[in-house]
């Protein structure tokens, strides 16, 4: 009997979740949670990450709003970038549908739904997942499977080639969906140690205690449940590469231990006192601005400087010129084997070029899949395409209104720049104090200034 594919079901209505679990258990191994927090805790306990997720947008503590569902989509993709997320929700406004798909969900099914249709759409996503897993990896190619001819991509490929054989840590930064995972693996495959192991650990996918055990290993009996010893990722990577995905989520208490490894290769297994040495090359990636995290006190400054000696910024799709059409052709050919080939007419191609793809390559790929499923072997027009895009073409916000407002203020005879700046300073300080619940030191970190400077500013503002 073949293994059933795993499915995470998240819905706060017990009647719906129990009914769905009952119907789907013949075809899927179903795990159920009724909130975003419980879904994340469940992921820690599952032996393997689920291949599919079926989630409602309206989840506690505000089930009347889609915010928790949107946040869960992003978090699930952080845990497992290859997971296929389908939304099953009654909050099916066009705006919600488009935003969920932009974040990385692959399908949106309004409630109530036909069970057979639901099964069909889940199985369709499994077929796509299997096709992606079987895709050959172009390890020997100079591009490592990175597709594009834009100047931004040429710069990226040159940096990869330049850094690949250096022994220092590399920090790969970029927005969600830009292809950071591909870049980190390319750094390994282009290196002279490409025959050594390349291991990836997601810093956002484990609790602090479990992550420490995963990274450094542990002795038998080091903690409850440690029935056998474990070597850990640093040891298992050998002279290869250890990719620390979502490094911005590394807990503060582990950051000092990682810094020690980066400085001299030394670390301790949990439950041991014998120092061990790691020869693995560290490649870290994040979609966060680590400089800002340092200012907030959420990331160690010394660790940031150690990690960012070599930095690669993966460009968003909006900065990649004609690469949008190249990627369209690539994914069309790739998914053509599933009988979902389509073409864009000239007007649709122009719209495709103008759209800025806030969800980057992940969004582009999902749009190709949806268009192929809806219009197999057909010519897709501009209207049909723009139905799949968030807010139509979603142009970047114009600054004209903002500039007009400034001009109106300047034309006012009573305008005073000092008073305007003072008012903005007061607003930001008040907001920081509110965020920190009155803690002066924490508010100073949020504002990126030292405590004495903040105190002086508050004293000065209180007198005006």
Protein backbone atom coordinates (compact mmCIF):
# COMPACT_ATOMS: atom_id res chain seq x y z
CA UNK A 1 0.00 0.00 0.00
CA UNK A 2 1.49 3.36 -1.02
CA UNK A 3 1.98 6.04 1.60
CA UNK A 4 -0.86 8.56 1.85
CA UNK A 5 0.09 12.19 1.15
CA UNK A 6 -0.03 14.42 4.23
CA UNK A 7 -2.49 17.30 4.58
CA UNK A 8 -2.66 20.04 7.22
CA UNK A 9 -6.25 21.21 7.78
CA UNK A 10 -6.76 24.49 9.67
CA UNK A 11 -10.31 25.66 10.44
CA UNK A 12 -11.81 26.99 13.68
CA UNK A 13 -15.26 25.47 13.02
CA UNK A 14 -15.17 21.95 14.55
CA UNK A 15 -18.13 20.79 12.47
CA UNK A 16 -16.35 21.72 9.24
CA UNK A 17 -12.93 20.39 10.26
CA UNK A 18 -14.33 17.08 11.55
CA UNK A 19 -16.45 16.60 8.41
CA UNK A 20 -13.55 17.40 6.10
CA UNK A 21 -11.14 15.17 8.01
CA UNK A 22 -13.62 12.29 7.83
CA UNK A 23 -14.15 12.66 4.08
CA UNK A 24 -10.48 13.25 3.20
CA UNK A 25 -8.85 10.59 5.38
CA UNK A 26 -9.31 7.92 2.72
CA UNK A 27 -6.97 9.81 0.39
CA UNK A 28 -4.82 11.85 2.77
CA UNK A 29 -3.13 11.63 6.15
CA UNK A 30 -4.94 14.56 7.78
CA UNK A 31 -3.63 16.66 10.70
CA UNK A 32 -6.08 19.20 12.16
CA UNK A 33 -5.62 22.53 13.96
CA UNK A 34 -8.14 25.26 14.78
CA UNK A 35 -5.83 28.32 14.93
CA UNK A 36 -2.65 29.71 13.44
CA UNK A 37 -0.73 29.19 16.70
CA UNK A 38 -1.86 25.58 17.07
CA UNK A 39 -1.01 24.89 13.43
CA UNK A 40 2.57 26.05 14.00
CA UNK A 41 2.90 24.00 17.19
CA UNK A 42 1.55 20.97 15.35
CA UNK A 43 4.24 21.37 12.68
CA UNK A 44 6.93 21.04 15.36
CA UNK A 45 5.51 17.66 16.40
CA UNK A 46 4.88 16.08 13.00
CA UNK A 47 7.64 13.66 11.86
CA UNK A 48 7.61 15.20 8.36
CA UNK A 49 6.25 18.48 7.04
CA UNK A 50 2.88 18.18 5.25
CA UNK A 51 2.82 18.29 1.46
CA UNK A 52 -0.55 20.08 1.32
CA UNK A 53 -2.40 22.56 3.49
CA UNK A 54 -6.09 23.45 3.42
CA UNK A 55 -6.73 26.53 5.52
CA UNK A 56 -9.51 28.97 6.36
CA UNK A 57 -8.73 32.69 6.31
CA UNK A 58 -10.93 33.58 9.27
CA UNK A 59 -9.08 32.20 12.30
CA UNK A 60 -8.97 33.15 15.99
CA UNK A 61 -8.56 35.61 17.63
CA UNK A 62 -10.36 37.57 14.85
CA UNK A 63 -12.29 35.03 12.77
CA UNK A 64 -14.21 37.81 11.00
CA UNK A 65 -11.01 39.10 9.40
CA UNK A 66 -8.61 37.32 6.99
CA UNK A 67 -5.39 38.54 8.67
CA UNK A 68 -4.57 35.35 10.60
CA UNK A 69 -5.09 33.23 7.50
CA UNK A 70 -2.85 35.49 5.42
CA UNK A 71 -0.14 35.33 8.09
CA UNK A 72 -0.39 31.54 8.21
CA UNK A 73 0.11 31.28 4.43
CA UNK A 74 3.42 33.15 4.73
CA UNK A 75 4.53 31.14 7.76
CA UNK A 76 3.74 27.76 6.20
CA UNK A 77 5.82 28.69 3.15
CA UNK A 78 8.64 29.65 5.52
CA UNK A 79 8.45 26.23 7.16
CA UNK A 80 8.29 24.43 3.82
CA UNK A 81 8.70 26.44 0.57
CA UNK A 82 7.38 23.52 -1.51
CA UNK A 83 4.09 23.09 0.38
CA UNK A 84 0.93 23.58 -1.69
CA UNK A 85 -1.54 25.77 0.20
CA UNK A 86 -5.21 25.84 -0.77
CA UNK A 87 -7.60 28.32 0.85
CA UNK A 88 -11.08 27.11 1.82
CA UNK A 89 -12.94 30.15 3.08
CA UNK A 90 -16.20 32.03 3.03
CA UNK A 91 -14.24 35.31 2.97
CA UNK A 92 -13.98 35.03 -0.80
CA UNK A 93 -13.99 38.66 -1.91
CA UNK A 94 -11.94 39.29 -5.03
CA UNK A 95 -9.44 41.29 -2.95
CA UNK A 96 -8.93 38.40 -0.49
CA UNK A 97 -8.61 35.83 -3.28
CA UNK A 98 -5.96 37.84 -5.10
CA UNK A 99 -3.99 38.65 -1.95
CA UNK A 100 -3.94 35.02 -0.78
CA UNK A 101 -2.70 33.89 -4.20
CA UNK A 102 -0.07 36.64 -4.25
CA UNK A 103 1.25 35.49 -0.86
CA UNK A 104 1.80 32.01 -2.30
CA UNK A 105 -1.44 30.06 -1.97
CA UNK A 106 -2.04 27.95 -5.07
CA UNK A 107 -5.85 27.80 -5.07
CA UNK A 108 -8.87 29.48 -3.45
CA UNK A 109 -12.06 27.48 -2.90
CA UNK A 110 -15.15 29.33 -1.58
CA UNK A 111 -17.28 27.78 1.16
CA UNK A 112 -19.44 25.76 0.94
CA UNK A 113 -17.70 23.47 -1.52
CA UNK A 114 -18.40 20.23 -3.34
CA UNK A 115 -16.32 17.46 -1.72
CA UNK A 116 -15.47 15.70 -4.96
CA UNK A 117 -14.32 18.98 -6.48
CA UNK A 118 -12.20 19.64 -3.40
CA UNK A 119 -10.56 16.21 -3.70
CA UNK A 120 -9.88 16.80 -7.39
CA UNK A 121 -8.19 20.12 -6.74
CA UNK A 122 -6.09 18.69 -3.92
CA UNK A 123 -4.96 15.81 -6.13
CA UNK A 124 -4.18 18.24 -8.94
CA UNK A 125 -1.78 20.09 -6.64
CA UNK A 126 -0.18 16.78 -5.68
CA UNK A 127 0.50 16.10 -9.35
CA UNK A 128 2.16 19.51 -9.68
CA UNK A 129 4.26 18.87 -6.55
CA UNK A 130 5.42 15.51 -7.87
CA UNK A 131 6.37 17.10 -11.20
CA UNK A 132 8.42 19.75 -9.40
CA UNK A 133 10.21 17.16 -7.26
CA UNK A 134 11.18 15.20 -10.37
CA UNK A 135 12.55 18.30 -12.12
CA UNK A 136 16.24 17.74 -12.90
CA UNK A 137 18.68 19.93 -10.98
CA UNK A 138 21.20 21.69 -13.21
CA UNK A 139 24.15 21.39 -10.82
CA UNK A 140 26.80 21.63 -13.55
CA UNK A 141 25.26 24.61 -15.26
CA UNK A 142 26.86 27.97 -14.60
CA UNK A 143 23.41 29.32 -13.82
CA UNK A 144 22.43 26.51 -11.42
CA UNK A 145 18.92 26.74 -12.84
CA UNK A 146 18.68 30.49 -12.22
CA UNK A 147 16.81 31.83 -15.23
CA UNK A 148 17.27 35.36 -16.53
CA UNK A 149 19.25 37.67 -18.77
CA UNK A 150 18.69 40.97 -16.94
CA UNK A 151 21.62 42.99 -15.62
CA UNK A 152 20.43 42.22 -12.07
CA UNK A 153 20.66 38.46 -12.70
CA UNK A 154 24.04 38.78 -14.43
CA UNK A 155 25.32 40.58 -11.34
CA UNK A 156 23.82 37.88 -9.11
CA UNK A 157 25.46 35.05 -11.09
CA UNK A 158 28.81 36.87 -11.05
CA UNK A 159 28.61 37.21 -7.25
CA UNK A 160 27.80 33.52 -6.85
CA UNK A 161 30.79 32.56 -8.97
CA UNK A 162 33.01 35.01 -7.08
CA UNK A 163 31.97 33.82 -3.59
CA UNK A 164 31.48 30.08 -4.23
CA UNK A 165 35.01 28.94 -3.35
CA UNK A 166 35.71 31.42 -0.56
CA UNK A 167 35.72 29.87 2.94
CA UNK A 168 33.80 32.73 4.57
CA UNK A 169 30.14 32.81 5.53
CA UNK A 170 27.71 34.28 2.98
CA UNK A 171 24.48 36.14 3.77
CA UNK A 172 21.79 35.85 1.07
CA UNK A 173 19.07 38.50 1.40
CA UNK A 174 15.90 39.01 -0.58
CA UNK A 175 12.13 39.27 -0.42
CA UNK A 176 9.94 36.19 -0.16
CA UNK A 177 9.62 34.26 -3.41
CA UNK A 178 12.74 35.71 -5.10
CA UNK A 179 14.65 32.40 -5.20
CA UNK A 180 17.00 32.66 -2.21
CA UNK A 181 16.92 28.87 -1.73
CA UNK A 182 18.19 28.36 -5.28
CA UNK A 183 21.00 30.88 -4.71
CA UNK A 184 22.16 29.24 -1.46
CA UNK A 185 22.32 25.81 -3.11
CA UNK A 186 24.08 27.29 -6.13
CA UNK A 187 26.83 28.62 -3.83
CA UNK A 188 27.42 25.01 -2.76
CA UNK A 189 27.20 23.32 -6.15
CA UNK A 190 29.63 25.84 -7.68
CA UNK A 191 32.18 25.34 -4.89
CA UNK A 192 35.12 22.93 -4.82
CA UNK A 193 33.36 21.08 -1.97
CA UNK A 194 30.26 20.31 -4.06
CA UNK A 195 30.70 16.56 -3.47
CA UNK A 196 30.47 17.08 0.30
CA UNK A 197 27.08 17.26 2.06
CA UNK A 198 24.85 20.33 1.70
CA UNK A 199 22.37 20.45 4.58
CA UNK A 200 19.58 22.95 5.18
CA UNK A 201 17.98 23.83 8.49
CA UNK A 202 15.09 26.29 8.75
CA UNK A 203 15.63 28.50 11.80
CA UNK A 204 11.93 29.40 11.87
CA UNK A 205 10.70 25.81 11.82
CA UNK A 206 11.81 24.66 15.29
CA UNK A 207 11.48 25.71 18.91
CA UNK A 208 14.66 27.14 20.42
CA UNK A 209 15.48 23.93 22.33
CA UNK A 210 14.87 21.65 19.36
CA UNK A 211 16.81 23.92 17.01
CA UNK A 212 19.82 23.86 19.32
CA UNK A 213 19.74 20.06 19.41
CA UNK A 214 19.36 19.91 15.62
CA UNK A 215 22.31 22.24 14.99
CA UNK A 216 24.81 21.15 17.62
CA UNK A 217 23.69 17.61 18.40
CA UNK A 218 23.13 16.11 21.84
CA UNK A 219 24.28 13.33 24.11
CA UNK A 220 21.99 10.50 25.16
CA UNK A 221 19.79 11.66 28.04
CA UNK A 222 20.63 15.35 27.50
CA UNK A 223 16.93 16.19 27.77
CA UNK A 224 13.58 14.44 28.03
CA UNK A 225 13.10 12.26 24.97
CA UNK A 226 16.80 12.14 24.02
CA UNK A 227 16.92 8.34 24.03
CA UNK A 228 19.91 8.22 21.69
CA UNK A 229 22.82 10.54 20.91
CA UNK A 230 22.67 12.74 17.80
CA UNK A 231 25.60 14.24 15.93
CA UNK A 232 23.86 17.44 14.73
CA UNK A 233 23.98 19.44 11.49
CA UNK A 234 27.39 21.01 12.12
CA UNK A 235 28.99 17.59 12.35
CA UNK A 236 26.92 15.98 9.58
CA UNK A 237 27.80 18.74 7.09
CA UNK A 238 31.49 17.83 7.33
CA UNK A 239 33.49 20.02 4.93
CA UNK A 240 30.35 20.82 2.96
CA UNK A 241 27.80 23.58 3.42
CA UNK A 242 25.29 24.25 6.17
CA UNK A 243 22.46 26.49 4.94
CA UNK A 244 20.73 28.39 7.75
CA UNK A 245 17.44 29.42 6.19
CA UNK A 246 15.52 32.34 7.77
CA UNK A 247 18.51 33.27 9.96
CA UNK A 248 16.57 36.32 11.16
CA UNK A 249 14.40 33.94 13.22
CA UNK A 250 17.36 32.40 15.06
CA UNK A 251 16.61 32.83 18.80
CA UNK A 252 18.87 35.30 20.61
CA UNK A 253 20.17 32.65 23.03
CA UNK A 254 21.50 30.63 20.08
CA UNK A 255 23.05 33.57 18.27
CA UNK A 256 26.05 33.72 20.61
CA UNK A 257 26.68 30.00 20.06
CA UNK A 258 26.54 30.43 16.28
CA UNK A 259 28.94 33.37 16.57
CA UNK A 260 31.44 31.13 18.38
CA UNK A 261 31.27 28.57 15.56
CA UNK A 262 31.81 31.28 12.96
CA UNK A 263 34.79 32.71 14.84
CA UNK A 264 36.75 29.55 15.61
CA UNK A 265 34.62 26.55 14.58
CA UNK A 266 34.04 25.49 18.20
CA UNK A 267 30.78 24.23 19.65
CA UNK A 268 29.41 21.87 22.32
CA UNK A 269 26.81 19.17 21.97
CA UNK A 270 23.96 19.41 24.46
CA UNK A 271 24.81 17.37 27.54
CA UNK A 272 28.56 17.29 26.80
CA UNK A 273 31.56 19.29 28.03
CA UNK A 274 33.99 18.27 25.28
CA UNK A 275 34.58 20.99 22.71
CA UNK A 276 34.06 19.96 19.09
CA UNK A 277 35.15 21.55 15.81
CA UNK A 278 33.08 22.26 12.72
CA UNK A 279 34.60 22.64 9.24
CA UNK A 280 31.28 23.38 7.52
CA UNK A 281 30.84 26.54 5.47
CA UNK A 282 27.88 28.64 6.68
CA UNK A 283 25.43 30.09 4.15
CA UNK A 284 22.60 32.08 5.74
CA UNK A 285 19.47 33.48 4.12
CA UNK A 286 16.72 35.83 5.23
CA UNK A 287 13.85 37.94 3.94
CA UNK A 288 14.26 40.34 6.86
CA UNK A 289 16.33 43.51 7.06
CA UNK A 290 18.94 42.38 9.59
CA UNK A 291 20.20 45.93 10.07
CA UNK A 292 16.76 46.87 11.34
CA UNK A 293 16.63 43.73 13.49
CA UNK A 294 19.94 44.79 15.06
CA UNK A 295 18.50 48.24 15.85
CA UNK A 296 15.47 46.60 17.47
CA UNK A 297 17.69 44.42 19.62
CA UNK A 298 16.38 41.26 17.94
CA UNK A 299 19.68 40.29 16.28
CA UNK A 300 23.23 40.51 17.60
CA UNK A 301 25.30 43.20 15.92
CA UNK A 302 28.53 41.17 16.12
CA UNK A 303 26.83 38.16 14.53
CA UNK A 304 25.40 40.35 11.76
CA UNK A 305 28.84 41.73 10.92
CA UNK A 306 30.35 38.24 10.94
CA UNK A 307 27.63 36.86 8.64
CA UNK A 308 27.56 39.82 6.24
CA UNK A 309 31.25 39.86 5.25
CA UNK A 310 30.00 38.46 1.94
CA UNK A 311 26.45 39.51 1.08
CA UNK A 312 24.27 38.63 -1.91
CA UNK A 313 21.05 40.57 -2.49
CA UNK A 314 18.61 38.57 -4.61
CA UNK A 315 16.69 41.08 -6.79
CA UNK A 316 12.89 41.18 -6.77
CA UNK A 317 11.18 40.35 -10.04
CA UNK A 318 10.18 44.00 -10.50
CA UNK A 319 13.87 44.84 -11.08
CA UNK A 320 14.53 42.10 -13.63
CA UNK A 321 13.50 43.75 -16.93
CA UNK A 322 12.51 41.13 -19.55
CA UNK A 323 13.08 38.15 -17.24
CA UNK A 324 9.32 38.02 -16.60
CA UNK A 325 8.77 36.72 -20.14
CA UNK A 326 11.67 34.25 -19.89
CA UNK A 327 10.25 32.85 -16.66
CA UNK A 328 6.79 32.67 -18.23
CA UNK A 329 8.22 30.57 -21.09
CA UNK A 330 10.18 28.38 -18.67
CA UNK A 331 7.20 27.52 -16.48
CA UNK A 332 4.92 27.09 -19.50
CA UNK A 333 7.28 24.47 -20.93
CA UNK A 334 7.78 22.81 -17.57
CA UNK A 335 4.08 22.39 -16.82
CA UNK A 336 3.19 21.60 -20.46
CA UNK A 337 3.73 17.92 -19.66
CA UNK A 338 0.55 18.12 -17.57
CA UNK A 339 -1.47 19.16 -20.64
CA UNK A 340 -1.95 22.76 -19.48
CA UNK A 341 -0.04 24.71 -22.14
CA UNK A 342 -1.44 28.16 -22.99
CA UNK A 343 -0.31 31.37 -24.72
CA UNK A 344 -0.77 35.07 -23.94
CA UNK A 345 -1.99 37.39 -26.68
CA UNK A 346 -0.02 40.61 -27.33
CA UNK A 347 -2.11 42.79 -24.99
CA UNK A 348 -1.82 40.19 -22.23
CA UNK A 349 1.96 40.05 -22.72
CA UNK A 350 2.14 43.82 -22.25
CA UNK A 351 0.13 43.54 -19.03
CA UNK A 352 2.42 40.72 -17.90
CA UNK A 353 5.44 42.97 -18.43
CA UNK A 354 3.88 45.92 -16.56
CA UNK A 355 2.76 43.90 -13.53
CA UNK A 356 5.29 44.17 -10.68
CA UNK A 357 4.69 40.69 -9.11
CA UNK A 358 4.75 41.50 -5.37
CA UNK A 359 4.97 37.74 -4.67
CA UNK A 360 7.96 37.47 -7.03
CA UNK A 361 8.83 34.18 -8.80
CA UNK A 362 6.58 32.12 -6.55
CA UNK A 363 3.59 34.26 -7.55
CA UNK A 364 4.57 34.12 -11.24
CA UNK A 365 4.83 30.33 -11.16
CA UNK A 366 1.45 29.96 -9.46
CA UNK A 367 -0.20 32.28 -12.00
CA UNK A 368 1.19 30.12 -14.81
CA UNK A 369 -0.24 27.00 -13.14
CA UNK A 370 -3.67 28.59 -12.66
CA UNK A 371 -3.85 29.94 -16.21
CA UNK A 372 -2.83 26.54 -17.57
CA UNK A 373 -5.55 24.83 -15.54
CA UNK A 374 -8.24 27.33 -16.57
CA UNK A 375 -7.30 27.82 -20.22
CA UNK A 376 -5.51 24.69 -21.47
CA UNK A 377 -4.28 25.01 -25.07
CA UNK A 378 -5.98 28.40 -25.38
CA UNK A 379 -4.94 31.98 -26.10
CA UNK A 380 -5.29 34.02 -22.89
CA UNK A 381 -6.38 37.64 -23.28
CA UNK A 382 -5.66 40.68 -21.12
CA UNK A 383 -8.92 40.48 -19.16
CA UNK A 384 -8.43 36.78 -18.35
CA UNK A 385 -4.87 37.45 -17.22
CA UNK A 386 -5.67 40.44 -15.05
CA UNK A 387 -8.29 38.41 -13.17
CA UNK A 388 -5.30 36.50 -11.71
CA UNK A 389 -3.30 39.59 -10.72
CA UNK A 390 -3.63 41.36 -7.39
CA UNK A 391 -5.59 44.61 -7.83
CA UNK A 392 -5.42 44.35 -11.59
CA UNK A 393 -2.02 45.63 -12.68
CA UNK A 394 -1.44 46.91 -9.14
CA UNK A 395 0.80 49.82 -10.19
CA UNK A 396 3.29 51.12 -7.70
CA UNK A 397 1.77 53.89 -5.57
CA UNK A 398 2.12 57.38 -7.00
CA UNK A 399 3.71 60.14 -4.95
CA UNK A 400 1.82 62.93 -6.76
CA UNK A 401 -0.82 63.37 -4.03
CA UNK A 402 1.83 63.38 -1.32
CA UNK A 403 3.94 65.98 -3.17
CA UNK A 404 0.85 68.15 -3.72
CA UNK A 405 0.17 68.05 0.02
CA UNK A 406 3.72 69.24 0.74
CA UNK A 407 3.38 72.09 -1.76
CA UNK A 408 0.13 73.20 -0.09
CA UNK A 409 1.87 73.31 3.28
CA UNK A 410 4.80 75.31 1.89
CA UNK A 411 2.42 77.89 0.44
CA UNK A 412 0.99 78.49 3.90
CA UNK A 413 2.41 81.73 5.37
CA UNK A 414 2.61 80.17 8.84
CA UNK A 415 4.67 77.14 7.70
CA UNK A 416 7.59 76.26 9.98
CA UNK A 417 9.89 73.35 9.13
CA UNK A 418 11.10 73.14 12.75
CA UNK A 419 7.54 72.73 14.00
CA UNK A 420 6.74 70.04 11.40
CA UNK A 421 9.89 68.04 12.22
CA UNK A 422 9.25 68.45 15.93
CA UNK A 423 5.71 67.12 15.54
CA UNK A 424 6.90 64.07 13.59
CA UNK A 425 9.61 63.44 16.18
CA UNK A 426 7.00 63.58 18.95
CA UNK A 427 4.75 61.10 17.08
CA UNK A 428 7.52 58.57 16.55
CA UNK A 429 8.70 58.78 20.16
CA UNK A 430 5.14 58.37 21.47
CA UNK A 431 4.62 55.35 19.19
CA UNK A 432 7.90 53.77 20.32
CA UNK A 433 7.03 54.30 23.98
CA UNK A 434 3.63 52.73 23.38
CA UNK A 435 5.22 49.72 21.61
CA UNK A 436 7.68 49.25 24.48
CA UNK A 437 4.98 49.80 27.12
CA UNK A 438 6.94 52.70 28.61
CA UNK A 439 10.34 50.96 28.67
CA UNK A 440 12.81 53.74 27.78
CA UNK A 441 15.69 51.43 26.80
CA UNK A 442 13.50 49.30 24.54
CA UNK A 443 11.95 52.40 22.95
CA UNK A 444 15.46 53.74 22.21
CA UNK A 445 16.35 50.46 20.46
CA UNK A 446 13.18 50.66 18.35
CA UNK A 447 14.09 54.21 17.30
CA UNK A 448 17.73 53.31 16.60
CA UNK A 449 19.15 55.86 19.10
CA UNK A 450 20.78 55.51 22.49
CA UNK A 451 18.87 55.85 25.74
CA UNK A 452 20.37 59.20 26.79
CA UNK A 453 19.57 60.76 23.39
CA UNK A 454 15.95 59.64 23.69
CA UNK A 455 15.71 61.02 27.22
CA UNK A 456 17.08 64.40 26.07
CA UNK A 457 14.62 64.56 23.18
CA UNK A 458 11.70 63.77 25.48
CA UNK A 459 12.81 66.49 27.93
CA UNK A 460 13.09 69.04 25.11
CA UNK A 461 9.72 68.13 23.58
CA UNK A 462 7.95 68.33 26.96
CA UNK A 463 8.98 71.98 27.26
CA UNK A 464 7.51 72.97 23.87
